[in-house]
Amino acid sequence: MYKLGLIGHPVQHSKSPEIHQYFLNVINANGKYELFDVMEEDLEYFLNELKHSDMNGVNVTIPYKEKVIPYLDEIDEHAQMLKAVNTIKRKGNKLIGYNTDGEGFIDSLRYTYPKFVKDIKDKTVLILGAGGAAKGIYFSLKKLNPKRIDIANRTKRKAENIVSENNHLVLALEEAEEKLYEYDLVIQTTNVGMEPDKDNQVIKLTHLNRGAIVSDIVYKPKMTKFLLNGKQQGARLLFGESMLWYQAAKSFKIWTDQSVEKHLKID
């Protein structure tokens, strides 16, 4: 029986139990996926208990993708480069960290807009936010070699720690809002707009290029205020739920060695 879960704060609105139960049904396996709302002062204790439990592993969400790392025994090369973990596998009494966020985003983009990915060398990208998900998406996008990837964040210093190319810019959120017309793909990676904060958005999309792709990794609500604003400006949309399914499938394979990507239920 597989025992899986999600740690973060808050986690009560997560769709992950539904997704992973579906995956367990696909491979005809018994198991359960639980939500663990862990306060920061309890994080070390939880992970030490996880080491000696019978769980197969957990996903990691906001705000612990970077904070879990000191308590892990190993992290894979990709997660090490990103300094962010969204998947932990228990192997014996060791915890091993992985990151499936970036590749999950790329797969969802490729599934929804294959021509955009094919032509990405001519495209400019803006990432909003500089947390663990932003790092994963930045480095996975970088492998595809777009024309430019810029990052905007409330504190520019945090974004500067991610950007690794001289032609990629770091912007304040206010600057990004004014320069939106320069971008073909705008990706919102913060938790702004996530329930119960659903009435807010990180920047307004008034200057957006008509026909640009607007993505929000928030998946609850599905149509965030940010995406609705993009739709009003004539943008094409990429929903956070799509990325959630793809990164979840990659996590599930880490825990079970079973591939379920061809069974994804994406609207």
C-alpha atoms as a PDB file:
ATOM      1  CA  MET A   1       0.000   0.000   0.000  1.00  0.00           C
ATOM      2  CA  TYR A   2       1.376   3.375  -1.029  1.00  0.00           C
ATOM      3  CA  LYS A   3       1.369   6.139   1.584  1.00  0.00           C
ATOM      4  CA  LEU A   4       1.845   9.587   0.089  1.00  0.00           C
ATOM      5  CA  GLY A   5       1.117  13.165   1.073  1.00  0.00           C
ATOM      6  CA  LEU A   6       1.660  16.904   0.793  1.00  0.00           C
ATOM      7  CA  ILE A   7       3.332  19.223   3.291  1.00  0.00           C
ATOM      8  CA  GLY A   8       2.937  22.995   3.250  1.00  0.00           C
ATOM      9  CA  HIS A   9       0.987  25.814   4.834  1.00  0.00           C
ATOM     10  CA  PRO A  10      -1.801  26.224   3.903  1.00  0.00           C
ATOM     11  CA  VAL A  11      -2.735  22.971   2.143  1.00  0.00           C
ATOM     12  CA  GLN A  12      -6.467  22.596   2.732  1.00  0.00           C
ATOM     13  CA  HIS A  13      -7.414  23.681  -0.815  1.00  0.00           C
ATOM     14  CA  SER A  14      -5.022  21.255  -2.528  1.00  0.00           C
ATOM     15  CA  LYS A  15      -6.248  19.095  -5.385  1.00  0.00           C
ATOM     16  CA  SER A  16      -3.298  16.699  -4.999  1.00  0.00           C
ATOM     17  CA  PRO A  17      -5.206  13.985  -3.068  1.00  0.00           C
ATOM     18  CA  GLU A  18      -7.754  13.740  -5.877  1.00  0.00           C
ATOM     19  CA  ILE A  19      -5.035  13.568  -8.551  1.00  0.00           C
ATOM     20  CA  HIS A  20      -2.877  10.976  -6.825  1.00  0.00           C
ATOM     21  CA  GLN A  21      -5.863   8.815  -5.890  1.00  0.00           C
ATOM     22  CA  TYR A  22      -6.726   8.826  -9.578  1.00  0.00           C
ATOM     23  CA  PHE A  23      -3.139   7.760 -10.403  1.00  0.00           C
ATOM     24  CA  LEU A  24      -3.348   4.943  -7.839  1.00  0.00           C
ATOM     25  CA  ASN A  25      -6.558   3.752  -9.497  1.00  0.00           C
ATOM     26  CA  VAL A  26      -4.889   3.897 -12.926  1.00  0.00           C
ATOM     27  CA  ILE A  27      -2.123   1.509 -11.809  1.00  0.00           C
ATOM     28  CA  ASN A  28      -4.632  -0.564  -9.812  1.00  0.00           C
ATOM     29  CA  ALA A  29      -2.806  -0.014  -6.516  1.00  0.00           C
ATOM     30  CA  ASN A  30      -4.013   0.561  -2.969  1.00  0.00           C
ATOM     31  CA  GLY A  31      -2.890   3.706  -1.241  1.00  0.00           C
ATOM     32  CA  LYS A  32      -3.778   7.071   0.222  1.00  0.00           C
ATOM     33  CA  TYR A  33      -2.566  10.646  -0.156  1.00  0.00           C
ATOM     34  CA  GLU A  34      -2.876  12.878   2.901  1.00  0.00           C
ATOM     35  CA  LEU A  35      -2.577  16.610   3.509  1.00  0.00           C
ATOM     36  CA  PHE A  36      -0.192  17.770   6.242  1.00  0.00           C
ATOM     37  CA  ASP A  37      -0.572  21.431   7.225  1.00  0.00           C
ATOM     38  CA  VAL A  38       2.781  21.914   8.971  1.00  0.00           C
ATOM     39  CA  MET A  39       3.771  25.037  10.849  1.00  0.00           C
ATOM     40  CA  GLU A  40       7.365  26.177  10.255  1.00  0.00           C
ATOM     41  CA  GLU A  41       8.426  25.459  13.829  1.00  0.00           C
ATOM     42  CA  ASP A  42       7.278  21.843  13.338  1.00  0.00           C
ATOM     43  CA  LEU A  43       8.967  21.256   9.961  1.00  0.00           C
ATOM     44  CA  GLU A  44      12.148  19.611  11.295  1.00  0.00           C
ATOM     45  CA  TYR A  45      10.158  17.325  13.594  1.00  0.00           C
ATOM     46  CA  PHE A  46       7.811  16.296  10.775  1.00  0.00           C
ATOM     47  CA  LEU A  47      10.669  15.412   8.419  1.00  0.00           C
ATOM     48  CA  ASN A  48      12.519  13.448  11.110  1.00  0.00           C
ATOM     49  CA  GLU A  49       9.324  11.486  11.745  1.00  0.00           C
ATOM     50  CA  LEU A  50       8.923  10.938   7.997  1.00  0.00           C
ATOM     51  CA  LYS A  51      12.374   9.291   7.863  1.00  0.00           C
ATOM     52  CA  HIS A  52      11.274   6.613  10.293  1.00  0.00           C
ATOM     53  CA  SER A  53       7.716   6.215   9.004  1.00  0.00           C
ATOM     54  CA  ASP A  54       6.286   3.779   6.459  1.00  0.00           C
ATOM     55  CA  MET A  55       5.411   6.554   3.992  1.00  0.00           C
ATOM     56  CA  ASN A  56       6.737   6.422   0.425  1.00  0.00           C
ATOM     57  CA  GLY A  57       7.089  10.171   0.149  1.00  0.00           C
ATOM     58  CA  VAL A  58       5.509  13.604   0.065  1.00  0.00           C
ATOM     59  CA  ASN A  59       5.119  16.604  -2.155  1.00  0.00           C
ATOM     60  CA  VAL A  60       6.291  19.976  -0.827  1.00  0.00           C
ATOM     61  CA  THR A  61       4.455  23.233  -1.484  1.00  0.00           C
ATOM     62  CA  ILE A  62       4.593  26.871  -0.360  1.00  0.00           C
ATOM     63  CA  PRO A  63       6.412  27.969   1.757  1.00  0.00           C
ATOM     64  CA  TYR A  64       8.771  24.999   2.274  1.00  0.00           C
ATOM     65  CA  LYS A  65      10.338  24.184  -1.121  1.00  0.00           C
ATOM     66  CA  GLU A  66      13.647  25.697  -0.024  1.00  0.00           C
ATOM     67  CA  LYS A  67      13.279  25.264   3.737  1.00  0.00           C
ATOM     68  CA  VAL A  68      13.128  21.448   3.631  1.00  0.00           C
ATOM     69  CA  ILE A  69      16.584  21.088   2.057  1.00  0.00           C
ATOM     70  CA  PRO A  70      18.725  21.192   5.250  1.00  0.00           C
ATOM     71  CA  TYR A  71      16.749  18.235   6.619  1.00  0.00           C
ATOM     72  CA  LEU A  72      17.182  15.962   3.566  1.00  0.00           C
ATOM     73  CA  ASP A  73      19.894  13.327   3.176  1.00  0.00           C
ATOM     74  CA  GLU A  74      20.265  13.749  -0.586  1.00  0.00           C
ATOM     75  CA  ILE A  75      18.878  15.935  -3.349  1.00  0.00           C
ATOM     76  CA  ASP A  76      19.079  15.126  -7.031  1.00  0.00           C
ATOM     77  CA  GLU A  77      21.153  17.216  -9.432  1.00  0.00           C
ATOM     78  CA  HIS A  78      18.232  19.267 -10.779  1.00  0.00           C
ATOM     79  CA  ALA A  79      16.873  20.135  -7.322  1.00  0.00           C
ATOM     80  CA  GLN A  80      20.403  20.927  -6.156  1.00  0.00           C
ATOM     81  CA  MET A  81      20.863  23.417  -8.978  1.00  0.00           C
ATOM     82  CA  LEU A  82      17.497  25.011  -8.209  1.00  0.00           C
ATOM     83  CA  LYS A  83      17.960  24.911  -4.433  1.00  0.00           C
ATOM     84  CA  ALA A  84      14.268  23.995  -4.294  1.00  0.00           C
ATOM     85  CA  VAL A  85      12.448  20.704  -3.699  1.00  0.00           C
ATOM     86  CA  ASN A  86       8.819  19.830  -4.425  1.00  0.00           C
ATOM     87  CA  THR A  87       9.030  16.028  -4.061  1.00  0.00           C
ATOM     88  CA  ILE A  88      10.583  13.928  -1.298  1.00  0.00           C
ATOM     89  CA  LYS A  89      11.055  10.167  -1.554  1.00  0.00           C
ATOM     90  CA  ARG A  90      11.743   8.049   1.530  1.00  0.00           C
ATOM     91  CA  LYS A  91      14.322   5.347   0.815  1.00  0.00           C
ATOM     92  CA  GLY A  92      14.978   3.325   3.935  1.00  0.00           C
ATOM     93  CA  ASN A  93      15.645   5.923   6.615  1.00  0.00           C
ATOM     94  CA  LYS A  94      16.858   8.493   4.096  1.00  0.00           C
ATOM     95  CA  LEU A  95      14.942  11.355   2.493  1.00  0.00           C
ATOM     96  CA  ILE A  96      15.798  12.258  -1.111  1.00  0.00           C
ATOM     97  CA  GLY A  97      14.641  15.533  -2.671  1.00  0.00           C
ATOM     98  CA  TYR A  98      13.588  16.185  -6.271  1.00  0.00           C
ATOM     99  CA  ASN A  99      11.997  19.032  -8.237  1.00  0.00           C
ATOM    100  CA  THR A 100       9.336  18.358 -10.873  1.00  0.00           C
ATOM    101  CA  ASP A 101       7.869  21.885 -11.090  1.00  0.00           C
ATOM    102  CA  GLY A 102       9.811  23.185 -14.081  1.00  0.00           C
ATOM    103  CA  GLU A 103       9.469  20.115 -16.285  1.00  0.00           C
ATOM    104  CA  GLY A 104       5.804  19.875 -15.322  1.00  0.00           C
ATOM    105  CA  PHE A 105       5.295  23.431 -16.534  1.00  0.00           C
ATOM    106  CA  ILE A 106       7.134  22.775 -19.822  1.00  0.00           C
ATOM    107  CA  ASP A 107       5.072  19.642 -20.470  1.00  0.00           C
ATOM    108  CA  SER A 108       1.825  21.538 -19.847  1.00  0.00           C
ATOM    109  CA  LEU A 109       2.951  24.359 -22.162  1.00  0.00           C
ATOM    110  CA  ARG A 110       3.945  21.867 -24.860  1.00  0.00           C
ATOM    111  CA  TYR A 111       0.625  20.010 -24.522  1.00  0.00           C
ATOM    112  CA  THR A 112      -1.498  23.183 -24.731  1.00  0.00           C
ATOM    113  CA  TYR A 113       0.559  25.300 -27.175  1.00  0.00           C
ATOM    114  CA  PRO A 114       2.884  22.979 -29.136  1.00  0.00           C
ATOM    115  CA  LYS A 115       3.601  25.571 -31.851  1.00  0.00           C
ATOM    116  CA  PHE A 116       4.724  28.112 -29.250  1.00  0.00           C
ATOM    117  CA  VAL A 117       7.264  25.653 -27.855  1.00  0.00           C
ATOM    118  CA  LYS A 118       8.412  24.768 -31.363  1.00  0.00           C
ATOM    119  CA  ASP A 119       9.053  28.468 -32.087  1.00  0.00           C
ATOM    120  CA  ILE A 120      10.287  29.386 -28.603  1.00  0.00           C
ATOM    121  CA  LYS A 121      13.724  30.557 -29.792  1.00  0.00           C
ATOM    122  CA  ASP A 122      11.956  33.667 -31.108  1.00  0.00           C
ATOM    123  CA  LYS A 123       9.875  34.246 -27.967  1.00  0.00           C
ATOM    124  CA  THR A 124      10.321  36.436 -24.889  1.00  0.00           C
ATOM    125  CA  VAL A 125       9.178  35.262 -21.460  1.00  0.00           C
ATOM    126  CA  LEU A 126       8.414  37.066 -18.202  1.00  0.00           C
ATOM    127  CA  ILE A 127       8.273  35.183 -14.898  1.00  0.00           C
ATOM    128  CA  LEU A 128       6.533  36.897 -11.975  1.00  0.00           C
ATOM    129  CA  GLY A 129       7.906  35.809  -8.612  1.00  0.00           C
ATOM    130  CA  ALA A 130      11.224  34.374  -7.474  1.00  0.00           C
ATOM    131  CA  GLY A 131      10.355  31.416  -5.250  1.00  0.00           C
ATOM    132  CA  GLY A 132      10.948  27.698  -5.741  1.00  0.00           C
ATOM    133  CA  ALA A 133       8.456  27.304  -8.587  1.00  0.00           C
ATOM    134  CA  ALA A 134       9.908  30.322 -10.413  1.00  0.00           C
ATOM    135  CA  LYS A 135      13.390  28.800 -10.199  1.00  0.00           C
ATOM    136  CA  GLY A 136      12.215  25.477 -11.584  1.00  0.00           C
ATOM    137  CA  ILE A 137      10.361  27.082 -14.463  1.00  0.00           C
ATOM    138  CA  TYR A 138      13.243  29.449 -15.266  1.00  0.00           C
ATOM    139  CA  PHE A 139      15.867  26.714 -15.587  1.00  0.00           C
ATOM    140  CA  SER A 140      13.570  24.343 -17.490  1.00  0.00           C
ATOM    141  CA  LEU A 141      12.635  27.122 -19.922  1.00  0.00           C
ATOM    142  CA  LYS A 142      16.292  28.058 -20.285  1.00  0.00           C
ATOM    143  CA  LYS A 143      17.004  24.584 -21.726  1.00  0.00           C
ATOM    144  CA  LEU A 144      14.637  25.449 -24.599  1.00  0.00           C
ATOM    145  CA  ASN A 145      16.684  28.577 -25.365  1.00  0.00           C
ATOM    146  CA  PRO A 146      14.010  31.278 -25.754  1.00  0.00           C
ATOM    147  CA  LYS A 147      15.071  34.703 -26.978  1.00  0.00           C
ATOM    148  CA  ARG A 148      14.873  36.118 -23.429  1.00  0.00           C
ATOM    149  CA  ILE A 149      13.604  35.188 -19.967  1.00  0.00           C
ATOM    150  CA  ASP A 150      13.124  38.070 -17.537  1.00  0.00           C
ATOM    151  CA  ILE A 151      12.069  37.822 -13.900  1.00  0.00           C
ATOM    152  CA  ALA A 152      10.073  40.391 -11.922  1.00  0.00           C
ATOM    153  CA  ASN A 153       9.736  40.242  -8.171  1.00  0.00           C
ATOM    154  CA  ARG A 154       8.777  42.471  -5.263  1.00  0.00           C
ATOM    155  CA  THR A 155      12.381  42.262  -4.044  1.00  0.00           C
ATOM    156  CA  LYS A 156      14.757  42.347  -7.006  1.00  0.00           C
ATOM    157  CA  ARG A 157      17.642  40.834  -5.047  1.00  0.00           C
ATOM    158  CA  LYS A 158      15.844  37.491  -4.743  1.00  0.00           C
ATOM    159  CA  ALA A 159      15.249  37.433  -8.512  1.00  0.00           C
ATOM    160  CA  GLU A 160      18.908  38.287  -9.152  1.00  0.00           C
ATOM    161  CA  ASN A 161      19.846  35.019  -7.426  1.00  0.00           C
ATOM    162  CA  ILE A 162      17.999  33.102 -10.167  1.00  0.00           C
ATOM    163  CA  VAL A 163      18.939  34.861 -13.395  1.00  0.00           C
ATOM    164  CA  SER A 164      22.002  33.259 -14.965  1.00  0.00           C
ATOM    165  CA  GLU A 165      22.232  34.941 -18.380  1.00  0.00           C
ATOM    166  CA  ASN A 166      23.430  38.480 -19.086  1.00  0.00           C
ATOM    167  CA  ASN A 167      20.628  39.202 -21.555  1.00  0.00           C
ATOM    168  CA  HIS A 168      17.950  38.174 -19.036  1.00  0.00           C
ATOM    169  CA  LEU A 169      16.633  41.126 -17.018  1.00  0.00           C
ATOM    170  CA  VAL A 170      15.540  41.494 -13.405  1.00  0.00           C
ATOM    171  CA  LEU A 171      12.663  43.906 -12.922  1.00  0.00           C
ATOM    172  CA  ALA A 172      10.574  45.341 -10.133  1.00  0.00           C
ATOM    173  CA  LEU A 173       6.903  44.400 -10.422  1.00  0.00           C
ATOM    174  CA  GLU A 174       6.007  48.002 -11.325  1.00  0.00           C
ATOM    175  CA  GLU A 175       8.543  47.976 -14.191  1.00  0.00           C
ATOM    176  CA  ALA A 176       7.184  44.673 -15.484  1.00  0.00           C
ATOM    177  CA  GLU A 177       3.640  46.001 -15.454  1.00  0.00           C
ATOM    178  CA  GLU A 178       4.656  48.887 -17.739  1.00  0.00           C
ATOM    179  CA  LYS A 179       6.715  46.675 -20.118  1.00  0.00           C
ATOM    180  CA  LEU A 180       4.275  43.796 -20.572  1.00  0.00           C
ATOM    181  CA  TYR A 181       3.971  44.485 -24.307  1.00  0.00           C
ATOM    182  CA  GLU A 182       7.527  43.109 -24.712  1.00  0.00           C
ATOM    183  CA  TYR A 183       6.547  39.535 -23.767  1.00  0.00           C
ATOM    184  CA  ASP A 184       5.017  36.583 -25.587  1.00  0.00           C
ATOM    185  CA  LEU A 185       4.553  34.493 -22.414  1.00  0.00           C
ATOM    186  CA  VAL A 186       3.853  35.810 -18.901  1.00  0.00           C
ATOM    187  CA  ILE A 187       3.978  33.308 -16.032  1.00  0.00           C
ATOM    188  CA  GLN A 188       2.605  34.103 -12.567  1.00  0.00           C
ATOM    189  CA  THR A 189       4.375  31.888  -9.977  1.00  0.00           C
ATOM    190  CA  THR A 190       3.433  33.483  -6.630  1.00  0.00           C
ATOM    191  CA  ASN A 191       0.539  32.455  -4.359  1.00  0.00           C
ATOM    192  CA  VAL A 192      -1.233  35.798  -4.959  1.00  0.00           C
ATOM    193  CA  GLY A 193      -4.722  35.004  -6.214  1.00  0.00           C
ATOM    194  CA  MET A 194      -4.876  31.589  -4.540  1.00  0.00           C
ATOM    195  CA  GLU A 195      -7.849  30.918  -2.285  1.00  0.00           C
ATOM    196  CA  PRO A 196      -8.579  32.579   0.095  1.00  0.00           C
ATOM    197  CA  ASP A 197      -6.664  35.482  -1.552  1.00  0.00           C
ATOM    198  CA  LYS A 198      -8.615  35.098  -4.799  1.00  0.00           C
ATOM    199  CA  ASP A 199      -9.550  38.776  -5.212  1.00  0.00           C
ATOM    200  CA  ASN A 200      -5.944  39.919  -5.723  1.00  0.00           C
ATOM    201  CA  GLN A 201      -3.453  39.730  -8.585  1.00  0.00           C
ATOM    202  CA  VAL A 202       0.286  40.364  -8.563  1.00  0.00           C
ATOM    203  CA  ILE A 203       0.256  42.947 -11.408  1.00  0.00           C
ATOM    204  CA  LYS A 204      -2.364  44.335 -13.790  1.00  0.00           C
ATOM    205  CA  LEU A 205      -2.177  43.258 -17.425  1.00  0.00           C
ATOM    206  CA  THR A 206      -3.269  46.504 -19.067  1.00  0.00           C
ATOM    207  CA  HIS A 207      -0.194  46.682 -21.354  1.00  0.00           C
ATOM    208  CA  LEU A 208      -0.263  43.029 -22.359  1.00  0.00           C
ATOM    209  CA  ASN A 209       0.339  41.999 -25.960  1.00  0.00           C
ATOM    210  CA  ARG A 210      -2.892  40.762 -27.521  1.00  0.00           C
ATOM    211  CA  GLY A 211      -2.406  37.079 -28.300  1.00  0.00           C
ATOM    212  CA  ALA A 212       0.317  36.570 -25.677  1.00  0.00           C
ATOM    213  CA  ILE A 213       0.050  33.516 -23.442  1.00  0.00           C
ATOM    214  CA  VAL A 214      -0.768  34.233 -19.808  1.00  0.00           C
ATOM    215  CA  SER A 215      -0.123  31.466 -17.299  1.00  0.00           C
ATOM    216  CA  ASP A 216      -0.889  31.240 -13.587  1.00  0.00           C
ATOM    217  CA  ILE A 217       0.451  28.294 -11.592  1.00  0.00           C
ATOM    218  CA  VAL A 218      -2.317  28.877  -9.015  1.00  0.00           C
ATOM    219  CA  TYR A 219      -4.971  26.240  -9.710  1.00  0.00           C
ATOM    220  CA  LYS A 220      -7.629  27.064  -7.125  1.00  0.00           C
ATOM    221  CA  PRO A 221      -9.547  28.956  -8.295  1.00  0.00           C
ATOM    222  CA  LYS A 222      -8.944  27.673 -11.822  1.00  0.00           C
ATOM    223  CA  MET A 223      -9.787  31.063 -13.362  1.00  0.00           C
ATOM    224  CA  THR A 224      -7.772  33.386 -11.151  1.00  0.00           C
ATOM    225  CA  LYS A 225      -8.250  37.133 -11.274  1.00  0.00           C
ATOM    226  CA  PHE A 226      -4.880  37.292 -13.081  1.00  0.00           C
ATOM    227  CA  LEU A 227      -6.062  34.904 -15.824  1.00  0.00           C
ATOM    228  CA  LEU A 228      -9.410  36.664 -16.115  1.00  0.00           C
ATOM    229  CA  ASN A 229      -7.570  39.967 -16.603  1.00  0.00           C
ATOM    230  CA  GLY A 230      -5.445  38.281 -19.289  1.00  0.00           C
ATOM    231  CA  LYS A 231      -8.533  36.971 -21.059  1.00  0.00           C
ATOM    232  CA  GLN A 232     -10.010  40.480 -21.046  1.00  0.00           C
ATOM    233  CA  GLN A 233      -6.827  41.708 -22.776  1.00  0.00           C
ATOM    234  CA  GLY A 234      -7.134  39.087 -25.534  1.00  0.00           C
ATOM    235  CA  ALA A 235      -4.533  36.674 -24.159  1.00  0.00           C
ATOM    236  CA  ARG A 236      -4.389  32.913 -24.561  1.00  0.00           C
ATOM    237  CA  LEU A 237      -4.527  31.147 -21.210  1.00  0.00           C
ATOM    238  CA  LEU A 238      -2.511  28.362 -19.584  1.00  0.00           C
ATOM    239  CA  PHE A 239      -4.129  27.091 -16.388  1.00  0.00           C
ATOM    240  CA  GLY A 240      -2.234  26.079 -13.278  1.00  0.00           C
ATOM    241  CA  GLU A 241      -4.210  22.844 -13.155  1.00  0.00           C
ATOM    242  CA  SER A 242      -2.409  21.614 -16.284  1.00  0.00           C
ATOM    243  CA  MET A 243       1.016  22.106 -14.694  1.00  0.00           C
ATOM    244  CA  LEU A 244      -0.275  20.485 -11.507  1.00  0.00           C
ATOM    245  CA  TRP A 245      -1.214  17.283 -13.363  1.00  0.00           C
ATOM    246  CA  TYR A 246       2.118  17.044 -15.193  1.00  0.00           C
ATOM    247  CA  GLN A 247       4.344  17.724 -12.189  1.00  0.00           C
ATOM    248  CA  ALA A 248       2.191  15.342 -10.128  1.00  0.00           C
ATOM    249  CA  ALA A 249       2.691  12.574 -12.695  1.00  0.00           C
ATOM    250  CA  LYS A 250       6.462  13.051 -12.448  1.00  0.00           C
ATOM    251  CA  SER A 251       6.330  12.911  -8.635  1.00  0.00           C
ATOM    252  CA  PHE A 252       4.166   9.784  -8.795  1.00  0.00           C
ATOM    253  CA  LYS A 253       6.736   8.063 -11.001  1.00  0.00           C
ATOM    254  CA  ILE A 254       9.521   8.939  -8.513  1.00  0.00           C
ATOM    255  CA  TRP A 255       7.560   7.219  -5.725  1.00  0.00           C
ATOM    256  CA  THR A 256       6.131   4.243  -7.633  1.00  0.00           C
ATOM    257  CA  ASP A 257       8.261   3.788 -10.808  1.00  0.00           C
ATOM    258  CA  GLN A 258       4.940   3.843 -12.706  1.00  0.00           C
ATOM    259  CA  SER A 259       4.312   6.215 -15.642  1.00  0.00           C
ATOM    260  CA  VAL A 260       0.794   7.692 -15.782  1.00  0.00           C
ATOM    261  CA  GLU A 261       1.263  10.666 -18.134  1.00  0.00           C
ATOM    262  CA  LYS A 262      -0.861   9.200 -20.925  1.00  0.00           C
ATOM    263  CA  HIS A 263      -3.802   9.035 -18.461  1.00  0.00           C
ATOM    264  CA  LEU A 264      -3.815  12.714 -17.415  1.00  0.00           C
ATOM    265  CA  LYS A 265      -7.250  14.344 -17.137  1.00  0.00           C
ATOM    266  CA  ILE A 266      -6.680  17.885 -18.400  1.00  0.00           C
ATOM    267  CA  ASP A 267      -9.567  20.031 -19.676  1.00  0.00           C
END
